[in-house]
Amino acid sequence: MFAPSQLKLLPAASVPALLAPDARAKARTLEFFTAHIRNPNTRKAYARAGQHFADWCARFGIDDIRQVQPVHVALYVEQLDLAAPSVKQRLAALR
């Protein structure tokens, strides 16, 4: 079986630790990006959004996706300095 990084389906070979607290979560994250997002530009945008959110969470000491609560997402959105379509794209990536 080929690893997703070998297939060049993701813009980066690594999954943020926040999104991969265990092997099963990492596999599901990779599956989402490789099997469910067919457009390469969307895949890259969603990967960037996921990394951005993971970096934001790290600044607040959140290191496991299971710790994320709706209030965290709301605060993240409030702190984004982006136009509405960009915010919607970020939220779509996080869903």
C-alpha atoms as a PDB file:
ATOM      1  CA  MET A   1       0.000   0.000   0.000  1.00  0.00           C
ATOM      2  CA  PHE A   2       1.262   3.479  -0.824  1.00  0.00           C
ATOM      3  CA  ALA A   3       1.572   6.141   1.828  1.00  0.00           C
ATOM      4  CA  PRO A   4      -0.264   9.382   0.971  1.00  0.00           C
ATOM      5  CA  SER A   5       3.038  11.254   1.001  1.00  0.00           C
ATOM      6  CA  GLN A   6       4.242   8.926  -1.779  1.00  0.00           C
ATOM      7  CA  LEU A   7       1.180   9.732  -3.833  1.00  0.00           C
ATOM      8  CA  LYS A   8       1.871  13.468  -3.557  1.00  0.00           C
ATOM      9  CA  LEU A   9      -1.760  14.097  -2.616  1.00  0.00           C
ATOM     10  CA  LEU A  10      -0.969  16.349   0.298  1.00  0.00           C
ATOM     11  CA  PRO A  11       1.019  19.569   0.126  1.00  0.00           C
ATOM     12  CA  ALA A  12       3.028  18.391   3.131  1.00  0.00           C
ATOM     13  CA  ALA A  13       3.848  14.887   4.276  1.00  0.00           C
ATOM     14  CA  SER A  14       3.146  15.602   7.930  1.00  0.00           C
ATOM     15  CA  VAL A  15      -0.134  15.923   9.755  1.00  0.00           C
ATOM     16  CA  PRO A  16      -0.244  18.495  12.576  1.00  0.00           C
ATOM     17  CA  ALA A  17       0.038  16.751  15.954  1.00  0.00           C
ATOM     18  CA  LEU A  18      -3.227  18.374  17.027  1.00  0.00           C
ATOM     19  CA  LEU A  19      -5.068  16.479  14.295  1.00  0.00           C
ATOM     20  CA  ALA A  20      -3.255  13.196  14.929  1.00  0.00           C
ATOM     21  CA  PRO A  21      -3.249  12.472  18.672  1.00  0.00           C
ATOM     22  CA  ASP A  22      -3.087   8.757  17.869  1.00  0.00           C
ATOM     23  CA  ALA A  23      -2.512   6.482  14.878  1.00  0.00           C
ATOM     24  CA  ARG A  24      -6.217   6.080  14.119  1.00  0.00           C
ATOM     25  CA  ALA A  25      -6.811   9.834  14.069  1.00  0.00           C
ATOM     26  CA  LYS A  26      -3.797  10.334  11.819  1.00  0.00           C
ATOM     27  CA  ALA A  27      -5.111   7.714   9.401  1.00  0.00           C
ATOM     28  CA  ARG A  28      -8.569   9.345   9.367  1.00  0.00           C
ATOM     29  CA  THR A  29      -7.043  12.775   8.745  1.00  0.00           C
ATOM     30  CA  LEU A  30      -4.972  11.479   5.851  1.00  0.00           C
ATOM     31  CA  GLU A  31      -8.022   9.652   4.506  1.00  0.00           C
ATOM     32  CA  PHE A  32     -10.044  12.866   4.608  1.00  0.00           C
ATOM     33  CA  PHE A  33      -7.451  14.799   2.635  1.00  0.00           C
ATOM     34  CA  THR A  34      -6.716  12.075   0.108  1.00  0.00           C
ATOM     35  CA  ALA A  35     -10.080  10.401  -0.492  1.00  0.00           C
ATOM     36  CA  HIS A  36     -12.632  13.109   0.174  1.00  0.00           C
ATOM     37  CA  ILE A  37     -11.050  16.196  -1.356  1.00  0.00           C
ATOM     38  CA  ARG A  38     -10.457  15.644  -5.035  1.00  0.00           C
ATOM     39  CA  ASN A  39      -9.539  19.189  -6.069  1.00  0.00           C
ATOM     40  CA  PRO A  40      -5.816  19.770  -5.418  1.00  0.00           C
ATOM     41  CA  ASN A  41      -6.282  23.495  -4.777  1.00  0.00           C
ATOM     42  CA  THR A  42      -8.998  22.828  -2.204  1.00  0.00           C
ATOM     43  CA  ARG A  43      -6.821  20.142  -0.631  1.00  0.00           C
ATOM     44  CA  LYS A  44      -3.947  22.613  -0.263  1.00  0.00           C
ATOM     45  CA  ALA A  45      -6.197  25.349   1.117  1.00  0.00           C
ATOM     46  CA  TYR A  46      -7.758  22.989   3.651  1.00  0.00           C
ATOM     47  CA  ALA A  47      -4.327  21.679   4.674  1.00  0.00           C
ATOM     48  CA  ARG A  48      -3.129  25.260   5.244  1.00  0.00           C
ATOM     49  CA  ALA A  49      -6.276  26.019   7.250  1.00  0.00           C
ATOM     50  CA  GLY A  50      -5.765  22.908   9.378  1.00  0.00           C
ATOM     51  CA  GLN A  51      -2.141  23.831  10.035  1.00  0.00           C
ATOM     52  CA  HIS A  52      -3.107  27.408  10.894  1.00  0.00           C
ATOM     53  CA  PHE A  53      -5.724  26.200  13.382  1.00  0.00           C
ATOM     54  CA  ALA A  54      -3.255  23.695  14.874  1.00  0.00           C
ATOM     55  CA  ASP A  55      -0.701  26.490  15.332  1.00  0.00           C
ATOM     56  CA  TRP A  56      -3.367  28.699  16.933  1.00  0.00           C
ATOM     57  CA  CYS A  57      -4.340  25.890  19.321  1.00  0.00           C
ATOM     58  CA  ALA A  58      -0.706  25.284  20.258  1.00  0.00           C
ATOM     59  CA  ARG A  59      -0.404  28.902  21.393  1.00  0.00           C
ATOM     60  CA  PHE A  60      -3.235  28.206  23.870  1.00  0.00           C
ATOM     61  CA  GLY A  61      -1.878  24.880  25.096  1.00  0.00           C
ATOM     62  CA  ILE A  62      -4.381  22.743  23.189  1.00  0.00           C
ATOM     63  CA  ASP A  63      -2.476  19.752  21.870  1.00  0.00           C
ATOM     64  CA  ASP A  64      -5.257  17.249  21.193  1.00  0.00           C
ATOM     65  CA  ILE A  65      -8.224  17.786  18.868  1.00  0.00           C
ATOM     66  CA  ARG A  66     -10.440  16.130  21.483  1.00  0.00           C
ATOM     67  CA  GLN A  67      -9.808  19.122  23.767  1.00  0.00           C
ATOM     68  CA  VAL A  68     -11.240  21.595  21.252  1.00  0.00           C
ATOM     69  CA  GLN A  69     -14.610  22.991  22.295  1.00  0.00           C
ATOM     70  CA  PRO A  70     -17.012  25.213  20.328  1.00  0.00           C
ATOM     71  CA  VAL A  71     -15.816  28.196  22.350  1.00  0.00           C
ATOM     72  CA  HIS A  72     -12.289  27.646  21.027  1.00  0.00           C
ATOM     73  CA  VAL A  73     -13.500  27.667  17.430  1.00  0.00           C
ATOM     74  CA  ALA A  74     -15.559  30.799  18.103  1.00  0.00           C
ATOM     75  CA  LEU A  75     -12.525  32.572  19.562  1.00  0.00           C
ATOM     76  CA  TYR A  76     -10.388  31.449  16.625  1.00  0.00           C
ATOM     77  CA  VAL A  77     -12.926  32.836  14.147  1.00  0.00           C
ATOM     78  CA  GLU A  78     -13.148  36.122  16.043  1.00  0.00           C
ATOM     79  CA  GLN A  79      -9.383  36.520  15.850  1.00  0.00           C
ATOM     80  CA  LEU A  80      -9.187  35.876  12.107  1.00  0.00           C
ATOM     81  CA  ASP A  81      -8.640  39.068  10.180  1.00  0.00           C
ATOM     82  CA  LEU A  82     -10.079  37.750   6.925  1.00  0.00           C
ATOM     83  CA  ALA A  83     -12.956  38.429   4.577  1.00  0.00           C
ATOM     84  CA  ALA A  84     -16.146  36.403   5.117  1.00  0.00           C
ATOM     85  CA  PRO A  85     -15.483  33.931   2.253  1.00  0.00           C
ATOM     86  CA  SER A  86     -12.037  33.141   3.681  1.00  0.00           C
ATOM     87  CA  VAL A  87     -13.481  32.605   7.153  1.00  0.00           C
ATOM     88  CA  LYS A  88     -16.094  30.266   5.677  1.00  0.00           C
ATOM     89  CA  GLN A  89     -13.366  28.318   3.912  1.00  0.00           C
ATOM     90  CA  ARG A  90     -11.423  27.947   7.172  1.00  0.00           C
ATOM     91  CA  LEU A  91     -14.522  26.714   8.953  1.00  0.00           C
ATOM     92  CA  ALA A  92     -15.279  24.255   6.158  1.00  0.00           C
ATOM     93  CA  ALA A  93     -11.767  22.856   6.504  1.00  0.00           C
ATOM     94  CA  LEU A  94     -12.199  22.458  10.258  1.00  0.00           C
ATOM     95  CA  ARG A  95     -15.493  20.604   9.924  1.00  0.00           C
END
